Amino acid sequence: MPVKFLKIDFFKLTGIIFLGGVLFLIIFLLFLPNYTKIKELREEYQTLSEKIEETREEINSLKVQLNSIDKDSFYLEKVAREDLGVSRDNEIVIKIEE
């Protein structure tokens, strides 16, 4: 059985490879800026999601503090003294700065 050789036109093959490369380059240049923008937006989304979670935790903490102030008179006095600088009638307040 004789072996058949394929006749391949070198110039056609080179042209097809060249056109394929140009097409790939055009597609690459069109979609690369969008890909980088999508990547930046995903990173920003991740950062904002983390901030949202931190804010939710802070809100829950503040709700617990608010409930404590409503129910516990000692905690209310502590907050008034430490945060607001309120003192009793016969007390002298001395602030020590570090």
N, C-alpha and C. Protein backbone atom coordinates (compact mmCIF):
# COMPACT_ATOMS: atom_id res chain seq x y z
N MET A 1 0.84 -1.17 0.00
CA MET A 1 0.00 0.00 0.00
C MET A 1 0.89 1.24 0.00
N PRO A 2 0.73 2.04 -0.99
CA PRO A 2 1.59 3.22 -1.06
C PRO A 2 1.14 4.30 -0.07
N VAL A 3 2.08 5.05 0.39
CA VAL A 3 1.81 6.15 1.33
C VAL A 3 1.47 7.38 0.53
N LYS A 4 0.38 8.05 0.94
CA LYS A 4 -0.03 9.26 0.25
C LYS A 4 0.47 10.46 1.05
N PHE A 5 1.05 11.36 0.38
CA PHE A 5 1.51 12.59 1.01
C PHE A 5 0.47 13.68 0.80
N LEU A 6 0.23 14.44 1.84
CA LEU A 6 -0.71 15.54 1.72
C LEU A 6 -0.01 16.71 1.08
N LYS A 7 -0.68 17.31 0.16
CA LYS A 7 -0.11 18.51 -0.44
C LYS A 7 -0.62 19.71 0.36
N ILE A 8 0.26 20.35 1.06
CA ILE A 8 -0.07 21.51 1.88
C ILE A 8 0.60 22.71 1.26
N ASP A 9 -0.22 23.70 0.97
CA ASP A 9 0.32 24.93 0.41
C ASP A 9 0.90 25.76 1.56
N PHE A 10 2.17 25.99 1.53
CA PHE A 10 2.89 26.69 2.60
C PHE A 10 2.34 28.10 2.79
N PHE A 11 2.03 28.79 1.72
CA PHE A 11 1.55 30.17 1.83
C PHE A 11 0.14 30.24 2.42
N LYS A 12 -0.71 29.28 2.09
CA LYS A 12 -2.05 29.24 2.68
C LYS A 12 -1.96 28.97 4.18
N LEU A 13 -1.12 28.03 4.56
CA LEU A 13 -0.94 27.69 5.97
C LEU A 13 -0.39 28.88 6.75
N THR A 14 0.58 29.56 6.17
CA THR A 14 1.15 30.75 6.82
C THR A 14 0.10 31.84 6.94
N GLY A 15 -0.70 32.02 5.93
CA GLY A 15 -1.76 33.03 5.96
C GLY A 15 -2.81 32.72 7.01
N ILE A 16 -3.20 31.45 7.11
CA ILE A 16 -4.19 31.05 8.11
C ILE A 16 -3.64 31.26 9.52
N ILE A 17 -2.39 30.88 9.73
CA ILE A 17 -1.78 31.08 11.05
C ILE A 17 -1.68 32.56 11.37
N PHE A 18 -1.31 33.37 10.38
CA PHE A 18 -1.20 34.82 10.59
C PHE A 18 -2.55 35.43 10.93
N LEU A 19 -3.58 35.06 10.19
CA LEU A 19 -4.93 35.58 10.45
C LEU A 19 -5.44 35.13 11.81
N GLY A 20 -5.15 33.89 12.17
CA GLY A 20 -5.53 33.40 13.49
C GLY A 20 -4.85 34.20 14.60
N GLY A 21 -3.58 34.49 14.41
CA GLY A 21 -2.85 35.28 15.40
C GLY A 21 -3.38 36.69 15.51
N VAL A 22 -3.69 37.29 14.36
CA VAL A 22 -4.26 38.66 14.37
C VAL A 22 -5.62 38.65 15.05
N LEU A 23 -6.45 37.66 14.74
CA LEU A 23 -7.77 37.56 15.36
C LEU A 23 -7.64 37.38 16.88
N PHE A 24 -6.73 36.52 17.30
CA PHE A 24 -6.49 36.33 18.72
C PHE A 24 -6.04 37.62 19.38
N LEU A 25 -5.15 38.35 18.75
CA LEU A 25 -4.65 39.61 19.29
C LEU A 25 -5.77 40.65 19.41
N ILE A 26 -6.62 40.72 18.41
CA ILE A 26 -7.74 41.67 18.46
C ILE A 26 -8.69 41.32 19.61
N ILE A 27 -9.03 40.06 19.72
CA ILE A 27 -9.92 39.62 20.81
C ILE A 27 -9.27 39.89 22.16
N PHE A 28 -7.99 39.61 22.28
CA PHE A 28 -7.26 39.83 23.52
C PHE A 28 -7.28 41.31 23.90
N LEU A 29 -7.02 42.18 22.93
CA LEU A 29 -6.99 43.62 23.21
C LEU A 29 -8.37 44.18 23.52
N LEU A 30 -9.42 43.58 22.97
CA LEU A 30 -10.77 44.05 23.25
C LEU A 30 -11.23 43.64 24.64
N PHE A 31 -10.87 42.44 25.09
CA PHE A 31 -11.40 41.93 26.34
C PHE A 31 -10.47 42.13 27.54
N LEU A 32 -9.22 42.45 27.34
CA LEU A 32 -8.30 42.64 28.46
C LEU A 32 -8.71 43.80 29.37
N PRO A 33 -9.06 44.97 28.84
CA PRO A 33 -9.48 46.06 29.74
C PRO A 33 -10.72 45.69 30.56
N ASN A 34 -11.66 44.98 29.95
CA ASN A 34 -12.85 44.57 30.68
C ASN A 34 -12.51 43.56 31.77
N TYR A 35 -11.58 42.67 31.49
CA TYR A 35 -11.16 41.68 32.48
C TYR A 35 -10.53 42.36 33.68
N THR A 36 -9.66 43.34 33.45
CA THR A 36 -9.03 44.03 34.57
C THR A 36 -10.05 44.84 35.36
N LYS A 37 -11.03 45.42 34.68
CA LYS A 37 -12.09 46.17 35.36
C LYS A 37 -12.93 45.24 36.23
N ILE A 38 -13.25 44.07 35.70
CA ILE A 38 -14.02 43.09 36.48
C ILE A 38 -13.23 42.66 37.71
N LYS A 39 -11.94 42.46 37.56
CA LYS A 39 -11.09 42.06 38.69
C LYS A 39 -11.08 43.15 39.75
N GLU A 40 -10.95 44.42 39.34
CA GLU A 40 -10.96 45.53 40.29
C GLU A 40 -12.30 45.63 41.01
N LEU A 41 -13.39 45.43 40.27
CA LEU A 41 -14.72 45.49 40.88
C LEU A 41 -14.94 44.36 41.87
N ARG A 42 -14.41 43.18 41.58
CA ARG A 42 -14.52 42.07 42.53
C ARG A 42 -13.77 42.37 43.82
N GLU A 43 -12.58 42.96 43.71
CA GLU A 43 -11.81 43.33 44.90
C GLU A 43 -12.54 44.40 45.70
N GLU A 44 -13.13 45.37 45.01
CA GLU A 44 -13.89 46.42 45.70
C GLU A 44 -15.12 45.82 46.39
N TYR A 45 -15.77 44.89 45.73
CA TYR A 45 -16.93 44.20 46.32
C TYR A 45 -16.53 43.47 47.58
N GLN A 46 -15.39 42.79 47.54
CA GLN A 46 -14.91 42.06 48.71
C GLN A 46 -14.63 43.02 49.87
N THR A 47 -13.99 44.14 49.57
CA THR A 47 -13.69 45.13 50.61
C THR A 47 -14.97 45.68 51.21
N LEU A 48 -15.93 46.03 50.36
CA LEU A 48 -17.19 46.57 50.86
C LEU A 48 -17.99 45.54 51.65
N SER A 49 -17.92 44.29 51.24
CA SER A 49 -18.60 43.23 51.99
C SER A 49 -18.01 43.09 53.39
N GLU A 50 -16.69 43.19 53.49
CA GLU A 50 -16.05 43.12 54.80
C GLU A 50 -16.45 44.31 55.68
N LYS A 51 -16.52 45.50 55.08
CA LYS A 51 -16.94 46.69 55.83
C LYS A 51 -18.39 46.55 56.30
N ILE A 52 -19.24 45.99 55.45
CA ILE A 52 -20.64 45.79 55.83
C ILE A 52 -20.72 44.84 57.02
N GLU A 53 -19.94 43.78 56.98
CA GLU A 53 -19.96 42.81 58.09
C GLU A 53 -19.46 43.46 59.38
N GLU A 54 -18.40 44.26 59.30
CA GLU A 54 -17.90 44.96 60.48
C GLU A 54 -18.95 45.92 61.03
N THR A 55 -19.65 46.61 60.15
CA THR A 55 -20.68 47.56 60.57
C THR A 55 -21.84 46.82 61.23
N ARG A 56 -22.21 45.67 60.70
CA ARG A 56 -23.28 44.88 61.33
C ARG A 56 -22.88 44.45 62.73
N GLU A 57 -21.64 44.02 62.89
CA GLU A 57 -21.17 43.62 64.22
C GLU A 57 -21.18 44.81 65.18
N GLU A 58 -20.79 45.98 64.69
CA GLU A 58 -20.81 47.18 65.52
C GLU A 58 -22.24 47.54 65.91
N ILE A 59 -23.17 47.42 64.98
CA ILE A 59 -24.58 47.70 65.27
C ILE A 59 -25.09 46.75 66.34
N ASN A 60 -24.76 45.47 66.22
CA ASN A 60 -25.20 44.51 67.23
C ASN A 60 -24.61 44.83 68.60
N SER A 61 -23.35 45.22 68.62
CA SER A 61 -22.71 45.60 69.88
C SER A 61 -23.40 46.82 70.50
N LEU A 62 -23.72 47.80 69.67
CA LEU A 62 -24.40 48.99 70.17
C LEU A 62 -25.81 48.67 70.65
N LYS A 63 -26.49 47.73 70.00
CA LYS A 63 -27.82 47.31 70.47
C LYS A 63 -27.73 46.67 71.84
N VAL A 64 -26.69 45.85 72.05
CA VAL A 64 -26.49 45.23 73.36
C VAL A 64 -26.22 46.30 74.41
N GLN A 65 -25.40 47.28 74.08
CA GLN A 65 -25.12 48.36 75.02
C GLN A 65 -26.39 49.15 75.33
N LEU A 66 -27.20 49.42 74.32
CA LEU A 66 -28.44 50.17 74.52
C LEU A 66 -29.38 49.40 75.44
N ASN A 67 -29.49 48.10 75.23
CA ASN A 67 -30.33 47.29 76.11
C ASN A 67 -29.78 47.27 77.54
N SER A 68 -28.47 47.25 77.67
CA SER A 68 -27.86 47.27 79.00
C SER A 68 -28.13 48.59 79.71
N ILE A 69 -28.08 49.69 78.97
CA ILE A 69 -28.35 51.00 79.56
C ILE A 69 -29.80 51.07 80.04
N ASP A 70 -30.72 50.53 79.26
CA ASP A 70 -32.13 50.57 79.64
C ASP A 70 -32.42 49.73 80.87
N LYS A 71 -31.73 48.62 81.02
CA LYS A 71 -32.06 47.67 82.08
C LYS A 71 -31.17 47.79 83.32
N ASP A 72 -29.95 48.25 83.16
CA ASP A 72 -28.98 48.23 84.27
C ASP A 72 -28.61 49.66 84.66
N SER A 73 -29.00 50.08 85.84
CA SER A 73 -28.73 51.45 86.28
C SER A 73 -27.24 51.66 86.57
N PHE A 74 -26.54 50.62 86.99
CA PHE A 74 -25.11 50.75 87.25
C PHE A 74 -24.34 50.98 85.94
N TYR A 75 -24.75 50.28 84.89
CA TYR A 75 -24.12 50.47 83.58
C TYR A 75 -24.42 51.87 83.05
N LEU A 76 -25.63 52.34 83.27
CA LEU A 76 -26.00 53.70 82.86
C LEU A 76 -25.11 54.72 83.56
N GLU A 77 -24.89 54.53 84.85
CA GLU A 77 -24.01 55.44 85.61
C GLU A 77 -22.58 55.37 85.09
N LYS A 78 -22.11 54.18 84.79
CA LYS A 78 -20.75 54.01 84.27
C LYS A 78 -20.58 54.75 82.94
N VAL A 79 -21.54 54.59 82.04
CA VAL A 79 -21.47 55.26 80.74
C VAL A 79 -21.53 56.77 80.93
N ALA A 80 -22.40 57.24 81.80
CA ALA A 80 -22.53 58.68 82.04
C ALA A 80 -21.22 59.25 82.59
N ARG A 81 -20.58 58.52 83.48
CA ARG A 81 -19.33 59.01 84.08
C ARG A 81 -18.17 58.98 83.07
N GLU A 82 -18.01 57.84 82.39
CA GLU A 82 -16.84 57.67 81.53
C GLU A 82 -16.97 58.41 80.20
N ASP A 83 -18.11 58.31 79.57
CA ASP A 83 -18.26 58.89 78.23
C ASP A 83 -18.72 60.34 78.25
N LEU A 84 -19.59 60.68 79.20
CA LEU A 84 -20.16 62.02 79.20
C LEU A 84 -19.53 62.96 80.23
N GLY A 85 -18.75 62.40 81.16
CA GLY A 85 -18.09 63.23 82.17
C GLY A 85 -19.02 63.74 83.25
N VAL A 86 -20.12 63.04 83.48
CA VAL A 86 -21.08 63.44 84.51
C VAL A 86 -20.55 63.00 85.86
N SER A 87 -20.77 63.83 86.86
CA SER A 87 -20.34 63.48 88.22
C SER A 87 -21.50 63.72 89.18
N ARG A 88 -21.36 63.19 90.37
CA ARG A 88 -22.36 63.42 91.41
C ARG A 88 -22.16 64.81 92.00
N ASP A 89 -23.09 65.24 92.85
CA ASP A 89 -23.05 66.61 93.39
C ASP A 89 -21.81 66.88 94.23
N ASN A 90 -21.39 65.95 95.05
CA ASN A 90 -20.28 66.18 95.98
C ASN A 90 -18.94 65.69 95.45
N GLU A 91 -18.85 65.29 94.21
CA GLU A 91 -17.61 64.75 93.67
C GLU A 91 -16.83 65.84 92.93
N ILE A 92 -15.51 65.66 92.94
CA ILE A 92 -14.62 66.52 92.16
C ILE A 92 -14.00 65.65 91.08
N VAL A 93 -14.12 66.07 89.85
CA VAL A 93 -13.62 65.29 88.72
C VAL A 93 -12.21 65.78 88.37
N ILE A 94 -11.29 64.82 88.34
CA ILE A 94 -9.91 65.12 87.95
C ILE A 94 -9.59 64.30 86.71
N LYS A 95 -9.24 65.00 85.63
CA LYS A 95 -8.90 64.29 84.39
C LYS A 95 -7.38 64.17 84.31
N ILE A 96 -6.93 62.95 84.11
CA ILE A 96 -5.50 62.67 83.98
C ILE A 96 -5.26 62.28 82.54
N GLU A 97 -4.45 63.07 81.86
CA GLU A 97 -4.13 62.76 80.48
C GLU A 97 -2.82 62.01 80.43
N GLU A 98 -2.78 61.01 79.59
CA GLU A 98 -1.58 60.19 79.48
C GLU A 98 -0.71 60.65 78.35
